[in-house]
Amino acid sequence: MTITGLDREILLALNAFGGGNDTLWEFANNSLFRGFPVFFSLVALWFASEQPERRGRMLAGLLGVCLATMLSIWSQFHTAVHIRPILDPAIPLDTVIPRTPWDRTNSFPSDTATLFFSLAALVFVEKRSAGLFCFVWVALIVAIPRVIVGLHYPSDILGSFVLGPAVVFILAALPYPKRLFEHALTWFEGRLYIVHALLFIFLADAFDLFPSLQALGKVLARSLHS
């Protein structure tokens, strides 16, 4: 069996398990339910230590989260790996998602899974036990349900699992980004409420896959092409 064939077989097996289950999808697509363990861990780790080195590393990792998510969205718009399963009439899916046109027909990699896997990777960098829990949570609650309802192939999830953590691990390990953020934190010493406010805005937008940032990017792209 080819990789493509295996991809399809796993998709259909998972879809048969619960593709038409409204309750399953409502839980998996609920922003608070799916995101709480990951975002709670990030905020708790941020306030657990005031060391500039640790917070600088976390900010570098959050930059990696942004880059990985934007790369996944760019890939869906500009590469043609395979059509999203739910948009392929040749695939017999039982799904709660309406099979209507999307702005991104390519589904590789999953942008949502990339975001959450990269956030889990950042938690892992700071606390391995919490990070491992977040990885398992993201796989079971965020990633696999997106295959079950036909939004993605298993390979899309695998691509996200590689892309997101890889970018975060690299950014968190490189010395220059960490030092840059450490210097910024030193400069804001005594005014950390500004950093906390910016962090709150970032996490609030990340909670639903940076909708505001995506909208600004689309406006910028249209402006450059006009």
N, C-alpha and C. Protein backbone atom coordinates (compact mmCIF):
# COMPACT_ATOMS: atom_id res chain seq x y z
N MET A 1 0.84 -1.20 0.00
CA MET A 1 0.00 0.00 0.00
C MET A 1 0.88 1.25 0.00
N THR A 2 0.52 2.24 -0.82
CA THR A 2 1.28 3.48 -0.89
C THR A 2 1.00 4.35 0.34
N ILE A 3 1.84 5.37 0.53
CA ILE A 3 1.65 6.29 1.65
C ILE A 3 0.31 7.02 1.50
N THR A 4 -0.01 7.40 0.26
CA THR A 4 -1.29 8.08 0.00
C THR A 4 -2.46 7.16 0.34
N GLY A 5 -2.33 5.89 -0.04
CA GLY A 5 -3.39 4.94 0.27
C GLY A 5 -3.55 4.72 1.76
N LEU A 6 -2.42 4.64 2.46
CA LEU A 6 -2.47 4.48 3.92
C LEU A 6 -3.09 5.70 4.58
N ASP A 7 -2.74 6.87 4.08
CA ASP A 7 -3.31 8.13 4.57
C ASP A 7 -4.83 8.08 4.48
N ARG A 8 -5.32 7.65 3.33
CA ARG A 8 -6.77 7.59 3.09
C ARG A 8 -7.43 6.53 3.98
N GLU A 9 -6.79 5.38 4.13
CA GLU A 9 -7.36 4.31 4.94
C GLU A 9 -7.50 4.73 6.40
N ILE A 10 -6.48 5.38 6.93
CA ILE A 10 -6.55 5.85 8.32
C ILE A 10 -7.63 6.91 8.47
N LEU A 11 -7.70 7.82 7.50
CA LEU A 11 -8.74 8.85 7.50
C LEU A 11 -10.13 8.23 7.57
N LEU A 12 -10.40 7.26 6.69
CA LEU A 12 -11.73 6.64 6.63
C LEU A 12 -12.03 5.86 7.90
N ALA A 13 -11.00 5.20 8.47
CA ALA A 13 -11.21 4.45 9.71
C ALA A 13 -11.58 5.38 10.86
N LEU A 14 -10.87 6.49 10.97
CA LEU A 14 -11.16 7.46 12.02
C LEU A 14 -12.50 8.14 11.79
N ASN A 15 -12.81 8.43 10.54
CA ASN A 15 -14.08 9.06 10.21
C ASN A 15 -15.26 8.16 10.57
N ALA A 16 -15.10 6.87 10.33
CA ALA A 16 -16.16 5.92 10.67
C ALA A 16 -16.37 5.84 12.18
N PHE A 17 -15.32 6.15 12.92
CA PHE A 17 -15.40 6.10 14.39
C PHE A 17 -16.32 7.19 14.94
N GLY A 18 -16.27 8.40 14.36
CA GLY A 18 -17.09 9.46 14.96
C GLY A 18 -17.25 10.70 14.11
N GLY A 19 -17.15 10.56 12.79
CA GLY A 19 -17.24 11.73 11.92
C GLY A 19 -18.57 12.46 12.00
N GLY A 20 -19.64 11.72 12.30
CA GLY A 20 -20.96 12.34 12.38
C GLY A 20 -21.40 12.64 13.80
N ASN A 21 -20.48 12.56 14.74
CA ASN A 21 -20.80 12.79 16.15
C ASN A 21 -20.71 14.28 16.48
N ASP A 22 -21.86 14.92 16.62
CA ASP A 22 -21.89 16.36 16.90
C ASP A 22 -21.22 16.70 18.23
N THR A 23 -21.46 15.89 19.25
CA THR A 23 -20.91 16.18 20.57
C THR A 23 -19.39 16.14 20.57
N LEU A 24 -18.84 15.14 19.89
CA LEU A 24 -17.39 15.02 19.80
C LEU A 24 -16.78 16.27 19.18
N TRP A 25 -17.36 16.74 18.08
CA TRP A 25 -16.82 17.91 17.40
C TRP A 25 -17.03 19.18 18.21
N GLU A 26 -18.16 19.28 18.91
CA GLU A 26 -18.40 20.47 19.73
C GLU A 26 -17.35 20.61 20.82
N PHE A 27 -16.96 19.50 21.42
CA PHE A 27 -15.90 19.54 22.43
C PHE A 27 -14.56 19.88 21.78
N ALA A 28 -14.24 19.19 20.68
CA ALA A 28 -12.93 19.37 20.04
C ALA A 28 -12.77 20.76 19.45
N ASN A 29 -13.88 21.40 19.07
CA ASN A 29 -13.80 22.71 18.43
C ASN A 29 -14.08 23.85 19.40
N ASN A 30 -14.27 23.51 20.68
CA ASN A 30 -14.51 24.54 21.69
C ASN A 30 -13.18 25.15 22.11
N SER A 31 -13.01 26.43 21.88
CA SER A 31 -11.72 27.09 22.11
C SER A 31 -11.27 26.97 23.56
N LEU A 32 -12.20 27.13 24.51
CA LEU A 32 -11.83 27.07 25.92
C LEU A 32 -11.42 25.66 26.31
N PHE A 33 -12.21 24.67 25.89
CA PHE A 33 -11.93 23.28 26.27
C PHE A 33 -10.61 22.80 25.68
N ARG A 34 -10.42 23.01 24.38
CA ARG A 34 -9.22 22.48 23.74
C ARG A 34 -7.95 23.26 24.13
N GLY A 35 -8.12 24.53 24.44
CA GLY A 35 -6.95 25.36 24.69
C GLY A 35 -6.55 25.53 26.14
N PHE A 36 -7.47 25.22 27.07
CA PHE A 36 -7.22 25.55 28.48
C PHE A 36 -5.93 24.95 29.04
N PRO A 37 -5.67 23.64 28.91
CA PRO A 37 -4.44 23.10 29.52
C PRO A 37 -3.17 23.73 28.97
N VAL A 38 -3.16 24.01 27.67
CA VAL A 38 -1.96 24.56 27.04
C VAL A 38 -1.74 26.01 27.46
N PHE A 39 -2.76 26.82 27.35
CA PHE A 39 -2.61 28.24 27.69
C PHE A 39 -2.44 28.44 29.20
N PHE A 40 -3.12 27.63 30.00
CA PHE A 40 -2.92 27.71 31.45
C PHE A 40 -1.47 27.40 31.80
N SER A 41 -0.91 26.37 31.17
CA SER A 41 0.48 25.99 31.44
C SER A 41 1.44 27.11 31.06
N LEU A 42 1.19 27.74 29.92
CA LEU A 42 2.07 28.83 29.47
C LEU A 42 2.05 30.00 30.44
N VAL A 43 0.85 30.41 30.84
CA VAL A 43 0.74 31.55 31.75
C VAL A 43 1.33 31.21 33.11
N ALA A 44 1.07 29.99 33.60
CA ALA A 44 1.61 29.58 34.89
C ALA A 44 3.14 29.56 34.86
N LEU A 45 3.71 29.05 33.78
CA LEU A 45 5.17 29.00 33.67
C LEU A 45 5.77 30.39 33.56
N TRP A 46 5.06 31.30 32.90
CA TRP A 46 5.55 32.67 32.77
C TRP A 46 5.67 33.33 34.14
N PHE A 47 4.65 33.15 34.98
CA PHE A 47 4.65 33.81 36.29
C PHE A 47 5.37 32.99 37.36
N ALA A 48 5.75 31.75 37.04
CA ALA A 48 6.44 30.91 38.03
C ALA A 48 7.85 31.40 38.32
N SER A 49 8.43 32.12 37.39
CA SER A 49 9.80 32.63 37.58
C SER A 49 9.94 33.97 36.89
N GLU A 50 10.61 34.90 37.56
CA GLU A 50 10.82 36.22 36.98
C GLU A 50 12.21 36.36 36.36
N GLN A 51 12.93 35.25 36.21
CA GLN A 51 14.26 35.29 35.62
C GLN A 51 14.19 35.77 34.17
N PRO A 52 14.94 36.82 33.82
CA PRO A 52 14.94 37.31 32.43
C PRO A 52 15.35 36.23 31.43
N GLU A 53 16.27 35.34 31.84
CA GLU A 53 16.72 34.29 30.93
C GLU A 53 15.57 33.37 30.53
N ARG A 54 14.79 32.96 31.53
CA ARG A 54 13.67 32.06 31.24
C ARG A 54 12.60 32.76 30.43
N ARG A 55 12.25 33.97 30.84
CA ARG A 55 11.20 34.69 30.12
C ARG A 55 11.66 35.08 28.71
N GLY A 56 12.94 35.38 28.56
CA GLY A 56 13.47 35.66 27.23
C GLY A 56 13.37 34.45 26.33
N ARG A 57 13.64 33.27 26.88
CA ARG A 57 13.52 32.03 26.12
C ARG A 57 12.06 31.77 25.74
N MET A 58 11.15 32.05 26.66
CA MET A 58 9.73 31.84 26.37
C MET A 58 9.25 32.79 25.27
N LEU A 59 9.71 34.04 25.32
CA LEU A 59 9.32 34.99 24.28
C LEU A 59 9.89 34.59 22.92
N ALA A 60 11.12 34.08 22.92
CA ALA A 60 11.69 33.58 21.67
C ALA A 60 10.88 32.40 21.16
N GLY A 61 10.43 31.54 22.08
CA GLY A 61 9.59 30.41 21.69
C GLY A 61 8.25 30.86 21.13
N LEU A 62 7.66 31.91 21.72
CA LEU A 62 6.39 32.43 21.21
C LEU A 62 6.57 33.03 19.82
N LEU A 63 7.73 33.62 19.57
CA LEU A 63 8.03 34.08 18.21
C LEU A 63 8.04 32.88 17.27
N GLY A 64 8.60 31.77 17.73
CA GLY A 64 8.60 30.54 16.94
C GLY A 64 7.19 30.04 16.68
N VAL A 65 6.31 30.16 17.67
CA VAL A 65 4.91 29.77 17.49
C VAL A 65 4.28 30.57 16.36
N CYS A 66 4.53 31.88 16.37
CA CYS A 66 4.01 32.76 15.30
C CYS A 66 4.53 32.32 13.93
N LEU A 67 5.84 32.14 13.84
CA LEU A 67 6.46 31.78 12.56
C LEU A 67 5.94 30.44 12.05
N ALA A 68 5.85 29.45 12.93
CA ALA A 68 5.38 28.13 12.52
C ALA A 68 3.94 28.19 12.03
N THR A 69 3.09 28.92 12.74
CA THR A 69 1.68 29.02 12.35
C THR A 69 1.54 29.75 11.02
N MET A 70 2.28 30.83 10.85
CA MET A 70 2.23 31.56 9.58
C MET A 70 2.77 30.71 8.42
N LEU A 71 3.80 29.92 8.68
CA LEU A 71 4.33 29.02 7.65
C LEU A 71 3.29 27.98 7.24
N SER A 72 2.56 27.46 8.21
CA SER A 72 1.54 26.45 7.89
C SER A 72 0.42 27.06 7.06
N ILE A 73 0.02 28.28 7.40
CA ILE A 73 -1.04 28.95 6.63
C ILE A 73 -0.55 29.29 5.23
N TRP A 74 0.69 29.78 5.14
CA TRP A 74 1.28 30.08 3.83
C TRP A 74 1.33 28.83 2.96
N SER A 75 1.71 27.71 3.56
CA SER A 75 1.80 26.45 2.82
C SER A 75 0.45 26.03 2.27
N GLN A 76 -0.61 26.22 3.05
CA GLN A 76 -1.94 25.85 2.58
C GLN A 76 -2.37 26.70 1.39
N PHE A 77 -1.95 27.95 1.37
CA PHE A 77 -2.32 28.83 0.26
C PHE A 77 -1.46 28.62 -0.98
N HIS A 78 -0.19 28.28 -0.79
CA HIS A 78 0.76 28.34 -1.90
C HIS A 78 1.36 27.01 -2.32
N THR A 79 1.00 25.92 -1.68
CA THR A 79 1.46 24.61 -2.13
C THR A 79 0.26 23.73 -2.44
N ALA A 80 0.48 22.69 -3.19
CA ALA A 80 -0.61 21.80 -3.59
C ALA A 80 -0.22 20.37 -3.28
N VAL A 81 -0.29 20.00 -2.01
CA VAL A 81 0.05 18.64 -1.60
C VAL A 81 -1.12 17.70 -1.87
N HIS A 82 -2.26 18.03 -1.32
CA HIS A 82 -3.49 17.29 -1.61
C HIS A 82 -4.69 18.14 -1.19
N ILE A 83 -5.82 17.86 -1.81
CA ILE A 83 -7.03 18.62 -1.52
C ILE A 83 -7.57 18.20 -0.14
N ARG A 84 -8.17 19.13 0.53
CA ARG A 84 -8.76 18.85 1.84
C ARG A 84 -9.80 17.73 1.69
N PRO A 85 -9.75 16.70 2.55
CA PRO A 85 -10.66 15.56 2.38
C PRO A 85 -12.13 15.94 2.26
N ILE A 86 -12.55 16.90 3.08
CA ILE A 86 -13.95 17.28 3.09
C ILE A 86 -14.39 17.93 1.77
N LEU A 87 -13.41 18.40 0.98
CA LEU A 87 -13.71 19.03 -0.31
C LEU A 87 -13.60 18.05 -1.47
N ASP A 88 -13.18 16.83 -1.19
CA ASP A 88 -12.99 15.83 -2.24
C ASP A 88 -14.24 14.95 -2.34
N PRO A 89 -15.03 15.11 -3.41
CA PRO A 89 -16.27 14.32 -3.53
C PRO A 89 -16.02 12.83 -3.70
N ALA A 90 -14.78 12.46 -4.03
CA ALA A 90 -14.46 11.04 -4.22
C ALA A 90 -14.28 10.30 -2.89
N ILE A 91 -14.20 11.05 -1.79
CA ILE A 91 -14.01 10.42 -0.48
C ILE A 91 -15.34 10.37 0.26
N PRO A 92 -15.83 9.17 0.55
CA PRO A 92 -17.14 9.03 1.23
C PRO A 92 -17.01 9.30 2.73
N LEU A 93 -17.30 10.52 3.12
CA LEU A 93 -17.16 10.91 4.52
C LEU A 93 -18.51 11.09 5.19
N ASP A 94 -18.56 10.71 6.45
CA ASP A 94 -19.70 11.02 7.31
C ASP A 94 -19.21 12.12 8.25
N THR A 95 -19.65 13.34 8.03
CA THR A 95 -19.08 14.45 8.80
C THR A 95 -20.13 15.46 9.20
N VAL A 96 -19.91 16.08 10.35
CA VAL A 96 -20.81 17.12 10.84
C VAL A 96 -20.48 18.47 10.20
N ILE A 97 -19.37 18.55 9.48
CA ILE A 97 -18.96 19.80 8.85
C ILE A 97 -19.61 19.91 7.46
N PRO A 98 -20.25 21.04 7.15
CA PRO A 98 -20.83 21.21 5.81
C PRO A 98 -19.75 21.12 4.73
N ARG A 99 -20.01 20.39 3.68
CA ARG A 99 -19.01 20.21 2.61
C ARG A 99 -19.16 21.35 1.60
N THR A 100 -18.85 22.55 2.06
CA THR A 100 -18.93 23.75 1.24
C THR A 100 -17.52 24.24 0.90
N PRO A 101 -17.36 25.11 -0.12
CA PRO A 101 -16.03 25.58 -0.53
C PRO A 101 -15.29 26.30 0.59
N TRP A 102 -13.95 26.13 0.60
CA TRP A 102 -13.07 26.80 1.55
C TRP A 102 -12.14 27.73 0.78
N ASP A 103 -11.55 28.70 1.50
CA ASP A 103 -10.58 29.57 0.84
C ASP A 103 -9.25 28.87 0.65
N ARG A 104 -9.01 27.78 1.40
CA ARG A 104 -7.78 27.01 1.27
C ARG A 104 -8.14 25.56 0.96
N THR A 105 -7.99 25.16 -0.29
CA THR A 105 -8.34 23.79 -0.66
C THR A 105 -7.27 22.80 -0.22
N ASN A 106 -6.00 23.24 -0.15
CA ASN A 106 -4.94 22.37 0.31
C ASN A 106 -4.97 22.29 1.84
N SER A 107 -4.77 21.11 2.37
CA SER A 107 -4.89 20.93 3.83
C SER A 107 -3.58 20.63 4.53
N PHE A 108 -2.46 20.68 3.81
CA PHE A 108 -1.17 20.32 4.42
C PHE A 108 -0.32 21.57 4.67
N PRO A 109 0.20 21.72 5.90
CA PRO A 109 -0.14 20.99 7.12
C PRO A 109 -1.33 21.63 7.81
N SER A 110 -1.80 21.05 8.88
CA SER A 110 -2.90 21.64 9.63
C SER A 110 -2.42 22.87 10.39
N ASP A 111 -3.01 24.02 10.11
CA ASP A 111 -2.58 25.23 10.81
C ASP A 111 -2.96 25.19 12.30
N THR A 112 -4.15 24.68 12.59
CA THR A 112 -4.58 24.59 13.98
C THR A 112 -3.67 23.66 14.78
N ALA A 113 -3.38 22.49 14.21
CA ALA A 113 -2.49 21.54 14.90
C ALA A 113 -1.09 22.11 15.04
N THR A 114 -0.63 22.85 14.02
CA THR A 114 0.70 23.47 14.09
C THR A 114 0.77 24.44 15.26
N LEU A 115 -0.25 25.27 15.39
CA LEU A 115 -0.30 26.24 16.50
C LEU A 115 -0.22 25.53 17.84
N PHE A 116 -1.07 24.53 18.03
CA PHE A 116 -1.15 23.89 19.34
C PHE A 116 0.05 23.00 19.63
N PHE A 117 0.58 22.32 18.62
CA PHE A 117 1.79 21.53 18.84
C PHE A 117 2.99 22.44 19.17
N SER A 118 3.05 23.60 18.54
CA SER A 118 4.16 24.52 18.83
C SER A 118 4.03 25.10 20.23
N LEU A 119 2.81 25.39 20.67
CA LEU A 119 2.61 25.86 22.04
C LEU A 119 2.97 24.77 23.05
N ALA A 120 2.59 23.53 22.74
CA ALA A 120 2.95 22.41 23.61
C ALA A 120 4.46 22.25 23.68
N ALA A 121 5.13 22.49 22.55
CA ALA A 121 6.59 22.39 22.52
C ALA A 121 7.22 23.43 23.43
N LEU A 122 6.65 24.63 23.46
CA LEU A 122 7.17 25.68 24.33
C LEU A 122 7.00 25.31 25.80
N VAL A 123 5.85 24.73 26.12
CA VAL A 123 5.64 24.24 27.49
C VAL A 123 6.67 23.17 27.82
N PHE A 124 6.94 22.29 26.85
CA PHE A 124 7.91 21.20 27.04
C PHE A 124 9.31 21.75 27.31
N VAL A 125 9.67 22.83 26.63
CA VAL A 125 10.99 23.43 26.83
C VAL A 125 11.17 23.87 28.28
N GLU A 126 10.10 24.39 28.86
CA GLU A 126 10.19 24.94 30.21
C GLU A 126 9.91 23.90 31.30
N LYS A 127 9.03 22.95 31.01
CA LYS A 127 8.70 21.91 32.01
C LYS A 127 8.27 20.65 31.26
N ARG A 128 9.11 19.65 31.27
CA ARG A 128 8.90 18.48 30.42
C ARG A 128 7.63 17.71 30.75
N SER A 129 7.34 17.51 32.01
CA SER A 129 6.14 16.74 32.36
C SER A 129 4.87 17.42 31.87
N ALA A 130 4.78 18.73 32.09
CA ALA A 130 3.62 19.48 31.60
C ALA A 130 3.59 19.50 30.08
N GLY A 131 4.77 19.60 29.46
CA GLY A 131 4.84 19.61 28.01
C GLY A 131 4.38 18.30 27.40
N LEU A 132 4.78 17.18 28.00
CA LEU A 132 4.34 15.87 27.50
C LEU A 132 2.83 15.73 27.61
N PHE A 133 2.27 16.19 28.73
CA PHE A 133 0.82 16.16 28.88
C PHE A 133 0.15 17.00 27.79
N CYS A 134 0.70 18.18 27.53
CA CYS A 134 0.13 19.06 26.51
C CYS A 134 0.21 18.43 25.12
N PHE A 135 1.32 17.76 24.82
CA PHE A 135 1.44 17.08 23.53
C PHE A 135 0.35 16.02 23.36
N VAL A 136 0.14 15.22 24.41
CA VAL A 136 -0.89 14.18 24.34
C VAL A 136 -2.27 14.81 24.22
N TRP A 137 -2.51 15.88 24.98
CA TRP A 137 -3.80 16.57 24.93
C TRP A 137 -4.06 17.12 23.53
N VAL A 138 -3.07 17.77 22.96
CA VAL A 138 -3.24 18.35 21.62
C VAL A 138 -3.51 17.25 20.59
N ALA A 139 -2.79 16.15 20.69
CA ALA A 139 -2.99 15.05 19.74
C ALA A 139 -4.41 14.50 19.83
N LEU A 140 -4.88 14.26 21.06
CA LEU A 140 -6.18 13.61 21.24
C LEU A 140 -7.36 14.56 21.09
N ILE A 141 -7.21 15.79 21.54
CA ILE A 141 -8.34 16.72 21.59
C ILE A 141 -8.38 17.68 20.41
N VAL A 142 -7.21 18.07 19.90
CA VAL A 142 -7.16 19.05 18.82
C VAL A 142 -6.92 18.40 17.46
N ALA A 143 -5.88 17.57 17.38
CA ALA A 143 -5.42 17.08 16.08
C ALA A 143 -6.26 15.95 15.50
N ILE A 144 -6.39 14.86 16.24
CA ILE A 144 -7.10 13.69 15.71
C ILE A 144 -8.56 13.98 15.37
N PRO A 145 -9.31 14.75 16.18
CA PRO A 145 -10.68 15.07 15.78
C PRO A 145 -10.78 15.79 14.44
N ARG A 146 -9.75 16.53 14.05
CA ARG A 146 -9.78 17.22 12.76
C ARG A 146 -9.64 16.23 11.60
N VAL A 147 -9.04 15.08 11.89
CA VAL A 147 -9.01 14.00 10.90
C VAL A 147 -10.35 13.28 10.90
N ILE A 148 -10.90 13.06 12.07
CA ILE A 148 -12.17 12.33 12.20
C ILE A 148 -13.28 12.99 11.38
N VAL A 149 -13.37 14.32 11.41
CA VAL A 149 -14.44 15.02 10.69
C VAL A 149 -14.07 15.32 9.24
N GLY A 150 -12.85 14.96 8.82
CA GLY A 150 -12.48 15.11 7.42
C GLY A 150 -11.85 16.42 7.04
N LEU A 151 -11.43 17.21 8.02
CA LEU A 151 -10.76 18.47 7.69
C LEU A 151 -9.32 18.24 7.24
N HIS A 152 -8.73 17.14 7.72
CA HIS A 152 -7.32 16.88 7.40
C HIS A 152 -7.06 15.39 7.24
N TYR A 153 -5.98 15.10 6.51
CA TYR A 153 -5.44 13.74 6.46
C TYR A 153 -4.50 13.55 7.66
N PRO A 154 -4.24 12.30 8.04
CA PRO A 154 -3.26 12.06 9.10
C PRO A 154 -1.89 12.67 8.79
N SER A 155 -1.50 12.68 7.52
CA SER A 155 -0.19 13.25 7.16
C SER A 155 -0.15 14.75 7.41
N ASP A 156 -1.29 15.43 7.34
CA ASP A 156 -1.34 16.86 7.67
C ASP A 156 -0.98 17.08 9.14
N ILE A 157 -1.49 16.19 9.98
CA ILE A 157 -1.22 16.28 11.41
C ILE A 157 0.25 15.96 11.69
N LEU A 158 0.77 14.95 11.01
CA LEU A 158 2.17 14.59 11.18
C LEU A 158 3.08 15.75 10.76
N GLY A 159 2.73 16.40 9.65
CA GLY A 159 3.50 17.56 9.20
C GLY A 159 3.48 18.68 10.22
N SER A 160 2.33 18.89 10.85
CA SER A 160 2.21 19.91 11.89
C SER A 160 3.04 19.56 13.11
N PHE A 161 3.05 18.27 13.45
CA PHE A 161 3.80 17.81 14.61
C PHE A 161 5.30 18.00 14.42
N VAL A 162 5.75 17.95 13.16
CA VAL A 162 7.16 18.18 12.87
C VAL A 162 7.45 19.68 12.79
N LEU A 163 6.62 20.41 12.03
CA LEU A 163 6.87 21.83 11.78
C LEU A 163 6.82 22.68 13.04
N GLY A 164 5.72 22.60 13.78
CA GLY A 164 5.54 23.48 14.94
C GLY A 164 6.63 23.35 15.98
N PRO A 165 6.82 22.16 16.55
CA PRO A 165 7.87 22.00 17.56
C PRO A 165 9.27 22.30 17.04
N ALA A 166 9.56 21.95 15.78
CA ALA A 166 10.90 22.19 15.23
C ALA A 166 11.24 23.68 15.26
N VAL A 167 10.31 24.51 14.81
CA VAL A 167 10.55 25.96 14.78
C VAL A 167 10.71 26.50 16.20
N VAL A 168 9.86 26.05 17.10
CA VAL A 168 9.93 26.53 18.49
C VAL A 168 11.24 26.10 19.15
N PHE A 169 11.63 24.84 18.97
CA PHE A 169 12.88 24.36 19.58
C PHE A 169 14.08 25.14 19.06
N ILE A 170 14.07 25.45 17.76
CA ILE A 170 15.19 26.20 17.17
C ILE A 170 15.24 27.62 17.74
N LEU A 171 14.10 28.30 17.75
CA LEU A 171 14.07 29.69 18.25
C LEU A 171 14.40 29.76 19.74
N ALA A 172 13.93 28.77 20.49
CA ALA A 172 14.19 28.79 21.94
C ALA A 172 15.64 28.46 22.26
N ALA A 173 16.32 27.77 21.33
CA ALA A 173 17.71 27.36 21.57
C ALA A 173 18.73 28.37 21.05
N LEU A 174 18.36 29.13 20.02
CA LEU A 174 19.30 30.10 19.45
C LEU A 174 19.62 31.20 20.47
N PRO A 175 20.88 31.56 20.63
CA PRO A 175 21.23 32.55 21.66
C PRO A 175 20.76 33.97 21.34
N TYR A 176 20.81 34.37 20.06
CA TYR A 176 20.52 35.78 19.74
C TYR A 176 19.08 36.18 20.07
N PRO A 177 18.05 35.41 19.63
CA PRO A 177 16.68 35.83 19.98
C PRO A 177 16.46 35.91 21.49
N LYS A 178 17.01 34.93 22.22
CA LYS A 178 16.84 34.95 23.68
C LYS A 178 17.46 36.20 24.30
N ARG A 179 18.69 36.51 23.87
CA ARG A 179 19.37 37.69 24.43
C ARG A 179 18.63 38.97 24.07
N LEU A 180 18.11 39.02 22.86
CA LEU A 180 17.36 40.20 22.42
C LEU A 180 16.16 40.43 23.34
N PHE A 181 15.42 39.36 23.61
CA PHE A 181 14.25 39.49 24.48
C PHE A 181 14.66 39.74 25.93
N GLU A 182 15.78 39.17 26.35
CA GLU A 182 16.27 39.43 27.71
C GLU A 182 16.59 40.91 27.90
N HIS A 183 17.25 41.51 26.89
CA HIS A 183 17.57 42.94 26.95
C HIS A 183 16.29 43.77 26.97
N ALA A 184 15.30 43.34 26.18
CA ALA A 184 14.02 44.06 26.15
C ALA A 184 13.35 44.00 27.52
N LEU A 185 13.38 42.83 28.16
CA LEU A 185 12.78 42.69 29.48
C LEU A 185 13.51 43.55 30.51
N THR A 186 14.83 43.63 30.38
CA THR A 186 15.61 44.48 31.29
C THR A 186 15.22 45.95 31.11
N TRP A 187 15.02 46.33 29.86
CA TRP A 187 14.63 47.72 29.57
C TRP A 187 13.25 48.04 30.14
N PHE A 188 12.37 47.00 30.15
CA PHE A 188 11.01 47.20 30.66
C PHE A 188 10.91 46.93 32.17
N GLU A 189 12.05 46.72 32.83
CA GLU A 189 12.03 46.47 34.27
C GLU A 189 11.38 47.65 34.99
N GLY A 190 10.42 47.33 35.81
CA GLY A 190 9.65 48.38 36.48
C GLY A 190 8.41 48.74 35.70
N ARG A 191 8.34 48.28 34.44
CA ARG A 191 7.15 48.52 33.61
C ARG A 191 6.69 47.21 32.97
N LEU A 192 6.82 46.12 33.72
CA LEU A 192 6.48 44.81 33.16
C LEU A 192 5.00 44.67 32.86
N TYR A 193 4.18 45.55 33.41
CA TYR A 193 2.75 45.51 33.09
C TYR A 193 2.53 45.70 31.59
N ILE A 194 3.44 46.43 30.93
CA ILE A 194 3.34 46.61 29.48
C ILE A 194 3.58 45.28 28.78
N VAL A 195 4.62 44.56 29.22
CA VAL A 195 4.92 43.24 28.64
C VAL A 195 3.77 42.28 28.88
N HIS A 196 3.21 42.30 30.08
CA HIS A 196 2.09 41.41 30.40
C HIS A 196 0.87 41.73 29.55
N ALA A 197 0.62 43.01 29.32
CA ALA A 197 -0.52 43.40 28.49
C ALA A 197 -0.33 42.91 27.05
N LEU A 198 0.89 43.07 26.52
CA LEU A 198 1.18 42.60 25.17
C LEU A 198 1.07 41.08 25.08
N LEU A 199 1.55 40.40 26.11
CA LEU A 199 1.46 38.94 26.15
C LEU A 199 0.00 38.49 26.18
N PHE A 200 -0.82 39.20 26.94
CA PHE A 200 -2.25 38.88 27.01
C PHE A 200 -2.90 39.03 25.63
N ILE A 201 -2.58 40.11 24.93
CA ILE A 201 -3.15 40.33 23.60
C ILE A 201 -2.70 39.23 22.64
N PHE A 202 -1.43 38.85 22.72
CA PHE A 202 -0.90 37.79 21.86
C PHE A 202 -1.63 36.47 22.10
N LEU A 203 -1.76 36.08 23.37
CA LEU A 203 -2.40 34.81 23.69
C LEU A 203 -3.88 34.83 23.36
N ALA A 204 -4.52 35.98 23.53
CA ALA A 204 -5.94 36.09 23.19
C ALA A 204 -6.16 35.87 21.70
N ASP A 205 -5.26 36.41 20.87
CA ASP A 205 -5.38 36.22 19.42
C ASP A 205 -4.99 34.79 19.03
N ALA A 206 -4.00 34.25 19.73
CA ALA A 206 -3.56 32.88 19.44
C ALA A 206 -4.64 31.86 19.78
N PHE A 207 -5.51 32.19 20.71
CA PHE A 207 -6.53 31.26 21.18
C PHE A 207 -7.38 30.74 20.03
N ASP A 208 -7.62 31.56 19.03
CA ASP A 208 -8.42 31.16 17.87
C ASP A 208 -7.62 31.25 16.58
N LEU A 209 -6.33 30.94 16.63
CA LEU A 209 -5.48 30.84 15.45
C LEU A 209 -5.18 32.19 14.82
N PHE A 210 -4.91 33.20 15.62
CA PHE A 210 -4.50 34.52 15.14
C PHE A 210 -5.43 35.08 14.06
N PRO A 211 -6.75 35.15 14.30
CA PRO A 211 -7.65 35.66 13.26
C PRO A 211 -7.34 37.11 12.88
N SER A 212 -7.01 37.93 13.87
CA SER A 212 -6.70 39.33 13.58
C SER A 212 -5.42 39.46 12.78
N LEU A 213 -4.41 38.67 13.16
CA LEU A 213 -3.14 38.70 12.44
C LEU A 213 -3.31 38.20 11.01
N GLN A 214 -4.13 37.16 10.84
CA GLN A 214 -4.40 36.65 9.49
C GLN A 214 -5.10 37.71 8.65
N ALA A 215 -6.07 38.40 9.25
CA ALA A 215 -6.80 39.44 8.51
C ALA A 215 -5.87 40.57 8.10
N LEU A 216 -4.97 40.97 9.01
CA LEU A 216 -4.01 42.03 8.67
C LEU A 216 -3.07 41.57 7.55
N GLY A 217 -2.67 40.30 7.60
CA GLY A 217 -1.80 39.76 6.56
C GLY A 217 -2.47 39.77 5.20
N LYS A 218 -3.76 39.44 5.17
CA LYS A 218 -4.50 39.44 3.90
C LYS A 218 -4.63 40.87 3.35
N VAL A 219 -4.88 41.83 4.25
CA VAL A 219 -4.97 43.23 3.82
C VAL A 219 -3.64 43.69 3.26
N LEU A 220 -2.55 43.33 3.94
CA LEU A 220 -1.21 43.70 3.47
C LEU A 220 -0.90 43.06 2.12
N ALA A 221 -1.27 41.79 1.96
CA ALA A 221 -1.02 41.10 0.69
C ALA A 221 -1.79 41.75 -0.45
N ARG A 222 -3.05 42.11 -0.19
CA ARG A 222 -3.85 42.77 -1.23
C ARG A 222 -3.26 44.14 -1.57
N SER A 223 -2.76 44.84 -0.56
CA SER A 223 -2.17 46.16 -0.79
C SER A 223 -0.92 46.06 -1.65
N LEU A 224 -0.11 45.03 -1.40
CA LEU A 224 1.12 44.86 -2.17
C LEU A 224 0.85 44.48 -3.61
N HIS A 225 -0.25 43.76 -3.84
CA HIS A 225 -0.57 43.31 -5.20
C HIS A 225 -1.37 44.35 -5.98
N SER A 226 -1.90 45.35 -5.29
CA SER A 226 -2.72 46.36 -5.99
C SER A 226 -1.84 47.45 -6.62
